């Protein structure tokens, strides 16, 4: 079981997962409003956008494949 409170900023600890996914990336622990500005330039305005960003998905797929490479 994942403790969501360790993944998000204090202001989002009591929010639902849907609310968190609709929040700006700075709702994630360690990210700031400046990160929101930078990510917005890539058309990433929510955590959901970030989670579904094709380049993040591609990087994750490569990382998973690497563990099976000989």
N, C-alpha and C. Protein backbone atom coordinates (compact mmCIF):
# COMPACT_ATOMS: atom_id res chain seq x y z
N UNK A 1 0.84 -1.18 0.00
CA UNK A 1 0.00 0.00 0.00
C UNK A 1 0.89 1.25 0.00
N UNK A 2 0.61 2.18 -0.87
CA UNK A 2 1.38 3.41 -0.99
C UNK A 2 0.76 4.47 -0.09
N UNK A 3 1.59 5.14 0.68
CA UNK A 3 1.14 6.27 1.48
C UNK A 3 1.20 7.51 0.59
N UNK A 4 0.05 7.92 0.08
CA UNK A 4 -0.01 9.04 -0.85
C UNK A 4 0.53 10.32 -0.23
N UNK A 5 0.39 10.46 1.08
CA UNK A 5 0.86 11.67 1.76
C UNK A 5 2.35 11.89 1.56
N UNK A 6 3.10 10.84 1.30
CA UNK A 6 4.54 10.99 1.08
C UNK A 6 4.85 11.42 -0.35
N UNK A 7 3.85 11.38 -1.21
CA UNK A 7 4.05 11.73 -2.62
C UNK A 7 3.64 13.15 -2.95
N UNK A 8 2.82 13.76 -2.09
CA UNK A 8 2.25 15.07 -2.41
C UNK A 8 2.62 16.11 -1.36
N UNK A 9 2.48 17.36 -1.78
CA UNK A 9 2.66 18.50 -0.89
C UNK A 9 1.60 18.44 0.21
N UNK A 10 1.92 18.99 1.38
CA UNK A 10 0.99 18.95 2.52
C UNK A 10 -0.41 19.44 2.17
N UNK A 11 -0.51 20.45 1.34
CA UNK A 11 -1.81 21.02 0.98
C UNK A 11 -2.71 20.02 0.26
N UNK A 12 -2.15 18.93 -0.25
CA UNK A 12 -2.92 17.95 -1.01
C UNK A 12 -3.11 16.62 -0.28
N UNK A 13 -2.64 16.52 0.95
CA UNK A 13 -2.70 15.26 1.67
C UNK A 13 -4.11 14.75 1.90
N UNK A 14 -5.07 15.62 2.02
CA UNK A 14 -6.46 15.20 2.28
C UNK A 14 -7.31 15.15 1.01
N UNK A 15 -6.71 15.37 -0.14
CA UNK A 15 -7.44 15.40 -1.40
C UNK A 15 -7.63 13.98 -1.95
N UNK A 16 -8.63 13.83 -2.80
CA UNK A 16 -8.84 12.54 -3.46
C UNK A 16 -7.79 12.37 -4.56
N UNK A 17 -7.64 11.15 -5.02
CA UNK A 17 -6.68 10.90 -6.09
C UNK A 17 -7.07 11.68 -7.34
N UNK A 18 -8.36 11.75 -7.64
CA UNK A 18 -8.82 12.53 -8.81
C UNK A 18 -8.42 13.99 -8.66
N UNK A 19 -8.61 14.56 -7.47
CA UNK A 19 -8.22 15.96 -7.25
C UNK A 19 -6.72 16.14 -7.40
N UNK A 20 -5.96 15.17 -6.93
CA UNK A 20 -4.50 15.25 -7.04
C UNK A 20 -4.09 15.17 -8.51
N UNK A 21 -4.70 14.26 -9.27
CA UNK A 21 -4.35 14.14 -10.69
C UNK A 21 -4.70 15.40 -11.48
N UNK A 22 -5.72 16.12 -11.03
CA UNK A 22 -6.12 17.36 -11.71
C UNK A 22 -5.34 18.58 -11.21
N UNK A 23 -4.50 18.38 -10.22
CA UNK A 23 -3.72 19.47 -9.63
C UNK A 23 -2.47 19.76 -10.47
N UNK A 24 -1.88 20.93 -10.28
CA UNK A 24 -0.63 21.23 -11.01
C UNK A 24 0.50 20.33 -10.51
N UNK A 25 1.52 20.13 -11.33
CA UNK A 25 2.64 19.29 -10.92
C UNK A 25 3.26 19.68 -9.58
N UNK A 26 3.19 20.96 -9.23
CA UNK A 26 3.78 21.39 -7.95
C UNK A 26 3.06 20.79 -6.75
N UNK A 27 1.94 20.10 -6.96
CA UNK A 27 1.28 19.38 -5.87
C UNK A 27 2.09 18.15 -5.46
N UNK A 28 3.00 17.72 -6.33
CA UNK A 28 3.88 16.61 -6.00
C UNK A 28 5.00 17.09 -5.08
N UNK A 29 5.36 16.27 -4.14
CA UNK A 29 6.44 16.58 -3.20
C UNK A 29 7.71 16.90 -3.98
N UNK A 30 8.32 18.03 -3.68
CA UNK A 30 9.59 18.40 -4.28
C UNK A 30 9.49 19.28 -5.51
N UNK A 31 8.30 19.45 -6.07
CA UNK A 31 8.15 20.34 -7.22
C UNK A 31 7.58 21.67 -6.76
N UNK A 32 7.91 22.72 -7.51
CA UNK A 32 7.53 24.08 -7.14
C UNK A 32 6.71 24.74 -8.25
N UNK A 33 6.14 25.90 -7.99
CA UNK A 33 5.45 26.62 -9.06
C UNK A 33 6.35 26.89 -10.27
N UNK A 34 7.63 27.04 -10.05
CA UNK A 34 8.56 27.23 -11.19
C UNK A 34 8.55 26.00 -12.09
N UNK A 35 8.47 24.81 -11.50
CA UNK A 35 8.37 23.59 -12.29
C UNK A 35 7.06 23.60 -13.11
N UNK A 36 5.98 24.12 -12.51
CA UNK A 36 4.72 24.24 -13.25
C UNK A 36 4.91 25.07 -14.51
N UNK A 37 5.63 26.18 -14.39
CA UNK A 37 5.87 27.07 -15.53
C UNK A 37 6.65 26.35 -16.63
N UNK A 38 7.68 25.65 -16.23
CA UNK A 38 8.54 24.95 -17.19
C UNK A 38 7.75 23.83 -17.88
N UNK A 39 7.02 23.06 -17.10
CA UNK A 39 6.24 21.96 -17.66
C UNK A 39 5.10 22.46 -18.54
N UNK A 40 4.54 23.61 -18.20
CA UNK A 40 3.46 24.18 -19.02
C UNK A 40 3.94 24.48 -20.44
N UNK A 41 5.23 24.80 -20.57
CA UNK A 41 5.79 25.02 -21.91
C UNK A 41 5.73 23.75 -22.76
N UNK A 42 5.65 22.60 -22.09
CA UNK A 42 5.54 21.31 -22.76
C UNK A 42 4.08 20.84 -22.80
N UNK A 43 3.16 21.75 -22.45
CA UNK A 43 1.72 21.46 -22.42
C UNK A 43 1.35 20.48 -21.31
N UNK A 44 2.15 20.47 -20.25
CA UNK A 44 1.87 19.65 -19.08
C UNK A 44 1.40 20.58 -17.98
N UNK A 45 0.10 20.54 -17.71
CA UNK A 45 -0.48 21.47 -16.74
C UNK A 45 -1.03 20.78 -15.50
N UNK A 46 -1.14 19.46 -15.54
CA UNK A 46 -1.64 18.71 -14.39
C UNK A 46 -0.76 17.49 -14.15
N UNK A 47 -0.95 16.90 -12.99
CA UNK A 47 -0.22 15.65 -12.69
C UNK A 47 -0.66 14.57 -13.67
N UNK A 48 -1.93 14.57 -14.04
CA UNK A 48 -2.43 13.60 -15.03
C UNK A 48 -1.70 13.78 -16.36
N UNK A 49 -1.53 15.02 -16.79
CA UNK A 49 -0.78 15.29 -18.03
C UNK A 49 0.64 14.73 -17.92
N UNK A 50 1.27 14.96 -16.79
CA UNK A 50 2.64 14.49 -16.58
C UNK A 50 2.69 12.96 -16.62
N UNK A 51 1.72 12.32 -15.97
CA UNK A 51 1.68 10.85 -15.93
C UNK A 51 1.47 10.24 -17.31
N UNK A 52 0.79 10.96 -18.17
CA UNK A 52 0.47 10.45 -19.50
C UNK A 52 1.33 11.05 -20.61
N UNK A 53 2.33 11.84 -20.23
CA UNK A 53 3.21 12.46 -21.21
C UNK A 53 3.97 11.37 -21.95
N UNK A 54 3.88 11.38 -23.28
CA UNK A 54 4.43 10.27 -24.06
C UNK A 54 5.92 10.05 -23.80
N UNK A 55 6.66 11.09 -23.55
CA UNK A 55 8.10 10.93 -23.32
C UNK A 55 8.37 10.27 -21.97
N UNK A 56 7.55 10.57 -20.98
CA UNK A 56 7.68 9.91 -19.68
C UNK A 56 7.31 8.43 -19.81
N UNK A 57 6.26 8.15 -20.57
CA UNK A 57 5.85 6.75 -20.78
C UNK A 57 6.92 5.98 -21.53
N UNK A 58 7.53 6.61 -22.54
CA UNK A 58 8.60 5.96 -23.30
C UNK A 58 9.80 5.69 -22.41
N UNK A 59 10.18 6.65 -21.59
CA UNK A 59 11.31 6.48 -20.68
C UNK A 59 11.04 5.34 -19.70
N UNK A 60 9.82 5.28 -19.18
CA UNK A 60 9.44 4.21 -18.24
C UNK A 60 9.52 2.86 -18.94
N UNK A 61 9.03 2.78 -20.17
CA UNK A 61 9.08 1.51 -20.91
C UNK A 61 10.52 1.05 -21.12
N UNK A 62 11.39 1.98 -21.49
CA UNK A 62 12.82 1.64 -21.68
C UNK A 62 13.44 1.15 -20.38
N UNK A 63 13.10 1.81 -19.28
CA UNK A 63 13.64 1.42 -17.98
C UNK A 63 13.19 0.00 -17.63
N UNK A 64 11.93 -0.31 -17.88
CA UNK A 64 11.42 -1.65 -17.59
C UNK A 64 12.06 -2.69 -18.49
N UNK A 65 12.25 -2.36 -19.76
CA UNK A 65 12.87 -3.29 -20.70
C UNK A 65 14.32 -3.57 -20.33
N UNK A 66 15.00 -2.57 -19.82
CA UNK A 66 16.42 -2.71 -19.46
C UNK A 66 16.63 -3.81 -18.43
N UNK A 67 15.68 -4.00 -17.55
CA UNK A 67 15.84 -5.04 -16.52
C UNK A 67 15.76 -6.43 -17.11
N UNK A 68 15.25 -6.56 -18.34
CA UNK A 68 15.14 -7.87 -18.99
C UNK A 68 16.23 -8.09 -20.04
N UNK A 69 17.04 -7.08 -20.26
CA UNK A 69 18.10 -7.18 -21.26
C UNK A 69 19.26 -8.01 -20.72
N UNK A 70 19.84 -8.80 -21.60
CA UNK A 70 20.97 -9.65 -21.18
C UNK A 70 22.27 -8.98 -21.47
